[in-house]
């Protein structure tokens, strides 16, 4: 079933995707024609019937990336106050010197 055609947006197709390992949940995502085409090509190269497994892999990768990002942010926030005022000033000065030579 085609989504309503909105002239300012590329045409989208409603797709149903299965996600999960133990319990499956059916959901709808919106894809452009090009995204759907690329997913189908990848699935065909893998000899898979559809692209649900590829979408599951992409979601898992995204979630791992978000968890790693949150961990890095927490580590950076935990470093607050680790430098003395003098060390922080020297670090800032050196960083600005290095950045001034970037193109």
N, C-alpha and C. Protein backbone atom coordinates (compact mmCIF):
# COMPACT_ATOMS: atom_id res chain seq x y z
N UNK A 1 0.84 -1.17 0.00
CA UNK A 1 0.00 0.00 0.00
C UNK A 1 0.89 1.24 0.00
N UNK A 2 0.60 2.17 -0.86
CA UNK A 2 1.40 3.38 -0.96
C UNK A 2 0.96 4.41 0.07
N UNK A 3 1.93 5.11 0.62
CA UNK A 3 1.64 6.20 1.55
C UNK A 3 1.07 7.35 0.75
N UNK A 4 0.37 8.27 1.41
CA UNK A 4 -0.14 9.43 0.68
C UNK A 4 0.99 10.15 -0.03
N UNK A 5 0.75 10.57 -1.25
CA UNK A 5 1.78 11.24 -2.03
C UNK A 5 1.83 12.71 -1.64
N UNK A 6 2.94 13.11 -1.03
CA UNK A 6 3.14 14.50 -0.64
C UNK A 6 4.19 15.05 -1.57
N UNK A 7 3.86 16.07 -2.32
CA UNK A 7 4.74 16.53 -3.40
C UNK A 7 6.12 16.95 -2.94
N UNK A 8 6.28 17.41 -1.69
CA UNK A 8 7.59 17.86 -1.23
C UNK A 8 8.45 16.72 -0.71
N UNK A 9 7.93 15.51 -0.65
CA UNK A 9 8.68 14.37 -0.14
C UNK A 9 8.74 13.29 -1.20
N UNK A 10 9.85 12.52 -1.23
CA UNK A 10 9.90 11.41 -2.19
C UNK A 10 8.82 10.39 -1.87
N UNK A 11 8.42 9.65 -2.85
CA UNK A 11 7.39 8.63 -2.64
C UNK A 11 7.90 7.59 -1.66
N UNK A 12 7.08 7.21 -0.72
CA UNK A 12 7.45 6.22 0.28
C UNK A 12 6.50 5.04 0.19
N UNK A 13 6.99 3.89 0.61
CA UNK A 13 6.20 2.67 0.61
C UNK A 13 6.11 2.19 2.05
N UNK A 14 4.91 1.85 2.50
CA UNK A 14 4.76 1.26 3.84
C UNK A 14 5.22 -0.18 3.77
N UNK A 15 6.14 -0.56 4.65
CA UNK A 15 6.65 -1.93 4.68
C UNK A 15 6.44 -2.48 6.07
N UNK A 16 6.17 -3.75 6.18
CA UNK A 16 6.06 -4.41 7.48
C UNK A 16 7.33 -5.20 7.73
N UNK A 17 7.88 -5.08 8.93
CA UNK A 17 9.14 -5.71 9.26
C UNK A 17 8.96 -6.53 10.53
N UNK A 18 9.58 -7.69 10.58
CA UNK A 18 9.57 -8.51 11.78
C UNK A 18 10.86 -8.27 12.54
N UNK A 19 10.75 -8.12 13.86
CA UNK A 19 11.95 -7.87 14.66
C UNK A 19 11.91 -8.73 15.91
N UNK A 20 13.08 -9.15 16.37
CA UNK A 20 13.15 -9.91 17.61
C UNK A 20 13.71 -11.30 17.39
N UNK A 21 14.03 -11.97 18.48
CA UNK A 21 14.55 -13.33 18.39
C UNK A 21 13.57 -14.31 19.01
N UNK A 22 13.13 -14.01 20.23
CA UNK A 22 12.24 -14.94 20.93
C UNK A 22 10.79 -14.60 20.60
N UNK A 23 10.44 -13.36 20.82
CA UNK A 23 9.10 -12.92 20.47
C UNK A 23 9.21 -11.97 19.30
N UNK A 24 8.35 -12.15 18.34
CA UNK A 24 8.39 -11.32 17.15
C UNK A 24 7.37 -10.22 17.27
N UNK A 25 7.75 -9.05 16.80
CA UNK A 25 6.84 -7.93 16.78
C UNK A 25 6.79 -7.41 15.36
N UNK A 26 5.62 -7.19 14.90
CA UNK A 26 5.46 -6.66 13.56
C UNK A 26 5.27 -5.15 13.66
N UNK A 27 5.99 -4.42 12.80
CA UNK A 27 5.89 -2.96 12.83
C UNK A 27 5.97 -2.43 11.41
N UNK A 28 5.69 -1.17 11.24
CA UNK A 28 5.74 -0.54 9.93
C UNK A 28 6.84 0.51 9.92
N UNK A 29 7.63 0.51 8.87
CA UNK A 29 8.64 1.55 8.68
C UNK A 29 8.41 2.18 7.31
N UNK A 30 8.89 3.39 7.16
CA UNK A 30 8.77 4.05 5.86
C UNK A 30 10.14 4.04 5.19
N UNK A 31 10.15 3.62 3.94
CA UNK A 31 11.37 3.56 3.14
C UNK A 31 11.14 4.28 1.83
N UNK A 32 12.19 4.87 1.31
CA UNK A 32 12.09 5.41 -0.04
C UNK A 32 12.19 4.24 -1.01
N UNK A 33 11.83 4.49 -2.24
CA UNK A 33 11.96 3.43 -3.27
C UNK A 33 13.40 2.96 -3.37
N UNK A 34 14.34 3.90 -3.30
CA UNK A 34 15.76 3.55 -3.43
C UNK A 34 16.22 2.68 -2.25
N UNK A 35 15.80 3.01 -1.04
CA UNK A 35 16.17 2.20 0.13
C UNK A 35 15.62 0.79 -0.01
N UNK A 36 14.37 0.68 -0.40
CA UNK A 36 13.75 -0.64 -0.58
C UNK A 36 14.49 -1.43 -1.65
N UNK A 37 14.82 -0.77 -2.74
CA UNK A 37 15.53 -1.44 -3.83
C UNK A 37 16.90 -1.95 -3.37
N UNK A 38 17.64 -1.12 -2.65
CA UNK A 38 18.95 -1.54 -2.16
C UNK A 38 18.83 -2.70 -1.17
N UNK A 39 17.85 -2.63 -0.29
CA UNK A 39 17.67 -3.72 0.68
C UNK A 39 17.32 -5.02 -0.03
N UNK A 40 16.47 -4.94 -1.04
CA UNK A 40 16.12 -6.15 -1.79
C UNK A 40 17.32 -6.72 -2.53
N UNK A 41 18.19 -5.85 -3.07
CA UNK A 41 19.41 -6.33 -3.75
C UNK A 41 20.32 -7.05 -2.75
N UNK A 42 20.49 -6.47 -1.56
CA UNK A 42 21.34 -7.10 -0.55
C UNK A 42 20.75 -8.44 -0.13
N UNK A 43 19.44 -8.46 0.09
CA UNK A 43 18.78 -9.71 0.49
C UNK A 43 18.95 -10.77 -0.60
N UNK A 44 18.79 -10.39 -1.84
CA UNK A 44 18.94 -11.34 -2.94
C UNK A 44 20.37 -11.88 -3.00
N UNK A 45 21.34 -11.02 -2.78
CA UNK A 45 22.74 -11.46 -2.79
C UNK A 45 23.01 -12.45 -1.66
N UNK A 46 22.27 -12.31 -0.57
CA UNK A 46 22.41 -13.23 0.57
C UNK A 46 21.49 -14.45 0.42
N UNK A 47 20.73 -14.45 -0.63
CA UNK A 47 19.75 -15.52 -0.88
C UNK A 47 18.68 -15.57 0.21
N UNK A 48 18.26 -14.40 0.63
CA UNK A 48 17.19 -14.27 1.62
C UNK A 48 15.92 -13.82 0.92
N UNK A 49 14.80 -14.30 1.42
CA UNK A 49 13.51 -14.00 0.80
C UNK A 49 13.16 -12.52 0.91
N UNK A 50 13.35 -11.95 2.07
CA UNK A 50 13.03 -10.54 2.29
C UNK A 50 14.18 -9.86 2.99
N UNK A 51 13.93 -8.65 3.47
CA UNK A 51 15.02 -7.91 4.11
C UNK A 51 14.81 -7.67 5.59
N UNK A 52 13.92 -8.41 6.23
CA UNK A 52 13.69 -8.25 7.67
C UNK A 52 14.96 -8.51 8.48
N UNK A 53 15.72 -9.52 8.10
CA UNK A 53 16.96 -9.84 8.82
C UNK A 53 17.95 -8.68 8.70
N UNK A 54 18.01 -8.07 7.53
CA UNK A 54 18.91 -6.94 7.32
C UNK A 54 18.48 -5.76 8.20
N UNK A 55 17.19 -5.51 8.29
CA UNK A 55 16.69 -4.42 9.13
C UNK A 55 16.99 -4.73 10.60
N UNK A 56 16.81 -5.97 11.02
CA UNK A 56 17.15 -6.36 12.40
C UNK A 56 18.63 -6.10 12.68
N UNK A 57 19.49 -6.48 11.75
CA UNK A 57 20.93 -6.25 11.92
C UNK A 57 21.23 -4.76 12.03
N UNK A 58 20.58 -3.96 11.21
CA UNK A 58 20.80 -2.51 11.23
C UNK A 58 20.34 -1.90 12.55
N UNK A 59 19.19 -2.34 13.05
CA UNK A 59 18.69 -1.83 14.33
C UNK A 59 19.64 -2.24 15.45
N UNK A 60 20.08 -3.49 15.45
CA UNK A 60 21.03 -3.94 16.48
C UNK A 60 22.32 -3.13 16.45
N UNK A 61 22.83 -2.88 15.26
CA UNK A 61 24.06 -2.08 15.12
C UNK A 61 23.84 -0.66 15.63
N UNK A 62 22.71 -0.08 15.30
CA UNK A 62 22.39 1.27 15.77
C UNK A 62 22.32 1.31 17.29
N UNK A 63 21.65 0.34 17.88
CA UNK A 63 21.51 0.30 19.34
C UNK A 63 22.86 0.10 20.02
N UNK A 64 23.72 -0.75 19.45
CA UNK A 64 25.07 -0.92 20.00
C UNK A 64 25.84 0.40 19.93
N UNK A 65 25.72 1.09 18.82
CA UNK A 65 26.39 2.38 18.64
C UNK A 65 25.91 3.41 19.64
N UNK A 66 24.61 3.45 19.88
CA UNK A 66 24.05 4.39 20.85
C UNK A 66 24.53 4.07 22.26
N UNK A 67 24.61 2.79 22.60
CA UNK A 67 25.09 2.39 23.92
C UNK A 67 26.56 2.79 24.08
N UNK A 68 27.36 2.57 23.04
CA UNK A 68 28.77 2.95 23.10
C UNK A 68 28.92 4.46 23.21
N UNK A 69 28.08 5.19 22.48
CA UNK A 69 28.11 6.66 22.54
C UNK A 69 27.79 7.13 23.94
N UNK A 70 26.76 6.58 24.54
CA UNK A 70 26.37 6.96 25.91
C UNK A 70 27.50 6.66 26.88
N UNK A 71 28.17 5.54 26.68
CA UNK A 71 29.29 5.16 27.54
C UNK A 71 30.44 6.16 27.40
N UNK A 72 30.74 6.57 26.18
CA UNK A 72 31.82 7.55 25.95
C UNK A 72 31.47 8.90 26.58
N UNK A 73 30.22 9.28 26.48
CA UNK A 73 29.79 10.55 27.09
C UNK A 73 29.95 10.49 28.59
N UNK A 74 29.54 9.39 29.20
CA UNK A 74 29.67 9.25 30.65
C UNK A 74 31.14 9.27 31.07
N UNK A 75 32.00 8.63 30.29
CA UNK A 75 33.42 8.63 30.61
C UNK A 75 33.99 10.04 30.51
N UNK A 76 33.58 10.78 29.49
CA UNK A 76 34.05 12.15 29.33
C UNK A 76 33.55 13.03 30.47
N UNK A 77 32.30 12.87 30.83
CA UNK A 77 31.75 13.66 31.94
C UNK A 77 32.44 13.31 33.26
N UNK A 78 32.84 12.05 33.40
CA UNK A 78 33.53 11.61 34.61
C UNK A 78 34.92 12.22 34.72
N UNK A 79 35.47 12.70 33.60
CA UNK A 79 36.81 13.28 33.62
C UNK A 79 36.79 14.76 34.03
N UNK A 80 35.59 15.32 34.16
CA UNK A 80 35.51 16.72 34.59
C UNK A 80 36.24 16.93 35.90
N UNK A 81 37.04 17.98 35.95
CA UNK A 81 37.76 18.29 37.18
C UNK A 81 39.06 17.52 37.34
N UNK A 82 39.41 16.69 36.36
CA UNK A 82 40.63 15.88 36.48
C UNK A 82 41.89 16.72 36.27
N UNK A 83 41.77 17.85 35.55
CA UNK A 83 42.92 18.71 35.32
C UNK A 83 42.86 19.91 36.27
N UNK A 84 44.01 20.35 36.67
CA UNK A 84 44.07 21.58 37.48
C UNK A 84 43.78 22.76 36.55
N UNK A 85 43.52 23.91 37.11
CA UNK A 85 43.26 25.10 36.32
C UNK A 85 44.42 25.40 35.38
N UNK A 86 45.65 25.27 35.89
CA UNK A 86 46.85 25.52 35.10
C UNK A 86 46.97 24.51 33.95
N UNK A 87 46.72 23.22 34.24
CA UNK A 87 46.79 22.18 33.21
C UNK A 87 45.71 22.40 32.14
N UNK A 88 44.52 22.78 32.59
CA UNK A 88 43.42 23.02 31.66
C UNK A 88 43.74 24.19 30.74
N UNK A 89 44.32 25.26 31.29
CA UNK A 89 44.68 26.43 30.47
C UNK A 89 45.75 26.07 29.45
N UNK A 90 46.74 25.31 29.86
CA UNK A 90 47.80 24.88 28.95
C UNK A 90 47.25 23.98 27.86
N UNK A 91 46.35 23.09 28.23
CA UNK A 91 45.73 22.18 27.26
C UNK A 91 44.92 22.98 26.24
N UNK A 92 44.13 23.94 26.70
CA UNK A 92 43.32 24.76 25.81
C UNK A 92 44.22 25.56 24.87
N UNK A 93 45.27 26.15 25.39
CA UNK A 93 46.19 26.95 24.57
C UNK A 93 46.82 26.09 23.48
N UNK A 94 47.28 24.91 23.84
CA UNK A 94 47.93 24.00 22.86
C UNK A 94 46.92 23.54 21.81
N UNK A 95 45.71 23.27 22.24
CA UNK A 95 44.66 22.83 21.31
C UNK A 95 44.36 23.94 20.30
N UNK A 96 44.26 25.16 20.78
CA UNK A 96 44.00 26.29 19.88
C UNK A 96 45.16 26.49 18.90
N UNK A 97 46.39 26.29 19.36
CA UNK A 97 47.54 26.39 18.47
C UNK A 97 47.46 25.35 17.36
N UNK A 98 47.14 24.14 17.73
CA UNK A 98 47.04 23.05 16.74
C UNK A 98 45.93 23.34 15.76
N UNK A 99 44.78 23.76 16.26
CA UNK A 99 43.64 24.03 15.38
C UNK A 99 43.89 25.19 14.44
N UNK A 100 44.72 26.14 14.83
CA UNK A 100 44.99 27.29 13.97
C UNK A 100 45.75 26.88 12.71
N UNK A 101 46.39 25.71 12.71
CA UNK A 101 47.13 25.24 11.53
C UNK A 101 46.29 24.34 10.64
N UNK A 102 45.07 24.02 11.06
CA UNK A 102 44.19 23.19 10.23
C UNK A 102 43.72 24.02 9.07
N UNK A 103 43.44 23.37 7.99
CA UNK A 103 42.94 24.08 6.80
C UNK A 103 41.46 24.18 6.83
